[in-house]
Amino acid sequence: MVLEAVLVASLALLALLVGAAIPALVQLRRTLRSAQDFFETTGRRADALIQELGEATRRLNRVTEAMQAGGRTLAASLDALRSAGRIAAAVGPAVKAAIGAL
């Protein structure tokens, strides 16, 4: 009698636990499916973003290289102007003297 009551109580408790676990497992399945969809979508977007960032980096590198080349050209031009200025400064007194002698 007592054994039957314990068995019935155990079965009732088991049925209650299974009944409570089924909705939780269904919700867990939905949550996991939603998470999987999210990660797949995010992964595709991340791949596209990484490709775009790579292209932007390549463009910036090209612009930087062009600016550096322009800077070298500008530096060479400024050096030439400095040299011309030194020559003019050195020749200036001789020209003034020649003009003054005329």
C-alpha atoms as a PDB file:
ATOM      1  CA  MET A   1       0.000   0.000   0.000  1.00  0.00           C
ATOM      2  CA  VAL A   2       2.680   2.471   1.008  1.00  0.00           C
ATOM      3  CA  LEU A   3       4.810   1.304  -1.879  1.00  0.00           C
ATOM      4  CA  GLU A   4       1.934   1.922  -4.281  1.00  0.00           C
ATOM      5  CA  ALA A   5       1.408   5.414  -2.866  1.00  0.00           C
ATOM      6  CA  VAL A   6       5.113   6.215  -3.250  1.00  0.00           C
ATOM      7  CA  LEU A   7       5.048   4.816  -6.791  1.00  0.00           C
ATOM      8  CA  VAL A   8       1.960   6.865  -7.713  1.00  0.00           C
ATOM      9  CA  ALA A   9       3.456   9.991  -6.125  1.00  0.00           C
ATOM     10  CA  SER A  10       6.724   9.401  -7.988  1.00  0.00           C
ATOM     11  CA  LEU A  11       4.898   8.932 -11.276  1.00  0.00           C
ATOM     12  CA  ALA A  12       2.825  12.054 -10.642  1.00  0.00           C
ATOM     13  CA  LEU A  13       5.975  14.033  -9.844  1.00  0.00           C
ATOM     14  CA  LEU A  14       7.676  12.662 -12.953  1.00  0.00           C
ATOM     15  CA  ALA A  15       4.660  13.585 -15.090  1.00  0.00           C
ATOM     16  CA  LEU A  16       4.663  17.062 -13.567  1.00  0.00           C
ATOM     17  CA  LEU A  17       8.379  17.522 -14.268  1.00  0.00           C
ATOM     18  CA  VAL A  18       8.040  16.271 -17.843  1.00  0.00           C
ATOM     19  CA  GLY A  19       5.002  18.491 -18.352  1.00  0.00           C
ATOM     20  CA  ALA A  20       6.968  21.504 -17.097  1.00  0.00           C
ATOM     21  CA  ALA A  21      10.097  20.588 -19.066  1.00  0.00           C
ATOM     22  CA  ILE A  22       8.392  20.259 -22.449  1.00  0.00           C
ATOM     23  CA  PRO A  23       7.477  23.973 -22.836  1.00  0.00           C
ATOM     24  CA  ALA A  24      10.917  24.958 -21.556  1.00  0.00           C
ATOM     25  CA  LEU A  25      12.595  22.656 -24.094  1.00  0.00           C
ATOM     26  CA  VAL A  26      10.370  23.991 -26.896  1.00  0.00           C
ATOM     27  CA  GLN A  27      11.295  27.559 -25.934  1.00  0.00           C
ATOM     28  CA  LEU A  28      14.973  26.583 -25.732  1.00  0.00           C
ATOM     29  CA  ARG A  29      14.744  25.131 -29.235  1.00  0.00           C
ATOM     30  CA  ARG A  30      13.171  28.355 -30.546  1.00  0.00           C
ATOM     31  CA  THR A  31      15.805  30.453 -28.800  1.00  0.00           C
ATOM     32  CA  LEU A  32      18.637  28.364 -30.201  1.00  0.00           C
ATOM     33  CA  ARG A  33      17.165  28.536 -33.712  1.00  0.00           C
ATOM     34  CA  SER A  34      16.812  32.306 -33.384  1.00  0.00           C
ATOM     35  CA  ALA A  35      20.398  32.579 -32.135  1.00  0.00           C
ATOM     36  CA  GLN A  36      21.611  30.467 -35.048  1.00  0.00           C
ATOM     37  CA  ASP A  37      19.781  32.699 -37.552  1.00  0.00           C
ATOM     38  CA  PHE A  38      21.226  35.789 -35.861  1.00  0.00           C
ATOM     39  CA  PHE A  39      24.784  34.449 -35.978  1.00  0.00           C
ATOM     40  CA  GLU A  40      24.456  33.390 -39.618  1.00  0.00           C
ATOM     41  CA  THR A  41      23.144  36.818 -40.594  1.00  0.00           C
ATOM     42  CA  THR A  42      25.738  38.590 -38.483  1.00  0.00           C
ATOM     43  CA  GLY A  43      28.481  36.407 -39.950  1.00  0.00           C
ATOM     44  CA  ARG A  44      27.507  37.338 -43.503  1.00  0.00           C
ATOM     45  CA  ARG A  45      27.369  41.011 -42.563  1.00  0.00           C
ATOM     46  CA  ALA A  46      30.706  40.782 -40.773  1.00  0.00           C
ATOM     47  CA  ASP A  47      32.291  39.182 -43.841  1.00  0.00           C
ATOM     48  CA  ALA A  48      30.988  41.998 -46.038  1.00  0.00           C
ATOM     49  CA  LEU A  49      32.167  44.594 -43.519  1.00  0.00           C
ATOM     50  CA  ILE A  50      35.635  43.056 -43.380  1.00  0.00           C
ATOM     51  CA  GLN A  51      35.862  43.143 -47.171  1.00  0.00           C
ATOM     52  CA  GLU A  52      34.758  46.787 -47.221  1.00  0.00           C
ATOM     53  CA  LEU A  53      37.271  47.676 -44.512  1.00  0.00           C
ATOM     54  CA  GLY A  54      40.011  45.944 -46.486  1.00  0.00           C
ATOM     55  CA  GLU A  55      39.114  47.939 -49.600  1.00  0.00           C
ATOM     56  CA  ALA A  56      38.995  51.190 -47.613  1.00  0.00           C
ATOM     57  CA  THR A  57      42.421  50.401 -46.159  1.00  0.00           C
ATOM     58  CA  ARG A  58      43.834  49.754 -49.625  1.00  0.00           C
ATOM     59  CA  ARG A  59      42.403  53.085 -50.834  1.00  0.00           C
ATOM     60  CA  LEU A  60      43.885  54.929 -47.864  1.00  0.00           C
ATOM     61  CA  ASN A  61      47.244  53.309 -48.534  1.00  0.00           C
ATOM     62  CA  ARG A  62      47.126  54.442 -52.160  1.00  0.00           C
ATOM     63  CA  VAL A  63      46.189  57.996 -51.130  1.00  0.00           C
ATOM     64  CA  THR A  64      48.961  58.031 -48.521  1.00  0.00           C
ATOM     65  CA  GLU A  65      51.501  56.827 -51.058  1.00  0.00           C
ATOM     66  CA  ALA A  66      50.377  59.497 -53.523  1.00  0.00           C
ATOM     67  CA  MET A  67      50.641  62.171 -50.838  1.00  0.00           C
ATOM     68  CA  GLN A  68      54.108  60.965 -49.881  1.00  0.00           C
ATOM     69  CA  ALA A  69      55.189  61.055 -53.528  1.00  0.00           C
ATOM     70  CA  GLY A  70      53.735  64.557 -53.846  1.00  0.00           C
ATOM     71  CA  GLY A  71      55.531  65.546 -50.681  1.00  0.00           C
ATOM     72  CA  ARG A  72      58.832  64.300 -52.090  1.00  0.00           C
ATOM     73  CA  THR A  73      58.194  66.259 -55.296  1.00  0.00           C
ATOM     74  CA  LEU A  74      57.328  69.341 -53.281  1.00  0.00           C
ATOM     75  CA  ALA A  75      60.457  68.918 -51.158  1.00  0.00           C
ATOM     76  CA  ALA A  76      62.567  68.673 -54.299  1.00  0.00           C
ATOM     77  CA  SER A  77      60.911  71.820 -55.680  1.00  0.00           C
ATOM     78  CA  LEU A  78      61.537  73.680 -52.434  1.00  0.00           C
ATOM     79  CA  ASP A  79      65.182  72.574 -52.478  1.00  0.00           C
ATOM     80  CA  ALA A  80      65.490  73.903 -56.015  1.00  0.00           C
ATOM     81  CA  LEU A  81      63.923  77.217 -54.952  1.00  0.00           C
ATOM     82  CA  ARG A  82      66.327  77.443 -51.992  1.00  0.00           C
ATOM     83  CA  SER A  83      69.257  76.832 -54.301  1.00  0.00           C
ATOM     84  CA  ALA A  84      67.984  79.484 -56.702  1.00  0.00           C
ATOM     85  CA  GLY A  85      67.604  81.870 -53.763  1.00  0.00           C
ATOM     86  CA  ARG A  86      71.187  81.212 -52.633  1.00  0.00           C
ATOM     87  CA  ILE A  87      72.465  81.786 -56.162  1.00  0.00           C
ATOM     88  CA  ALA A  88      70.451  85.003 -56.429  1.00  0.00           C
ATOM     89  CA  ALA A  89      71.791  86.147 -53.059  1.00  0.00           C
ATOM     90  CA  ALA A  90      75.342  85.390 -54.144  1.00  0.00           C
ATOM     91  CA  VAL A  91      74.979  87.018 -57.578  1.00  0.00           C
ATOM     92  CA  GLY A  92      72.911  89.972 -56.334  1.00  0.00           C
ATOM     93  CA  PRO A  93      75.831  92.105 -55.069  1.00  0.00           C
ATOM     94  CA  ALA A  94      77.783  91.488 -58.291  1.00  0.00           C
ATOM     95  CA  VAL A  95      74.772  92.548 -60.383  1.00  0.00           C
ATOM     96  CA  LYS A  96      74.291  95.658 -58.258  1.00  0.00           C
ATOM     97  CA  ALA A  97      77.952  96.525 -58.645  1.00  0.00           C
ATOM     98  CA  ALA A  98      77.774  95.988 -62.400  1.00  0.00           C
ATOM     99  CA  ILE A  99      74.673  98.154 -62.675  1.00  0.00           C
ATOM    100  CA  GLY A 100      76.246 100.792 -60.474  1.00  0.00           C
ATOM    101  CA  ALA A 101      79.346 100.801 -62.685  1.00  0.00           C
ATOM    102  CA  LEU A 102      77.279 101.512 -65.766  1.00  0.00           C
END
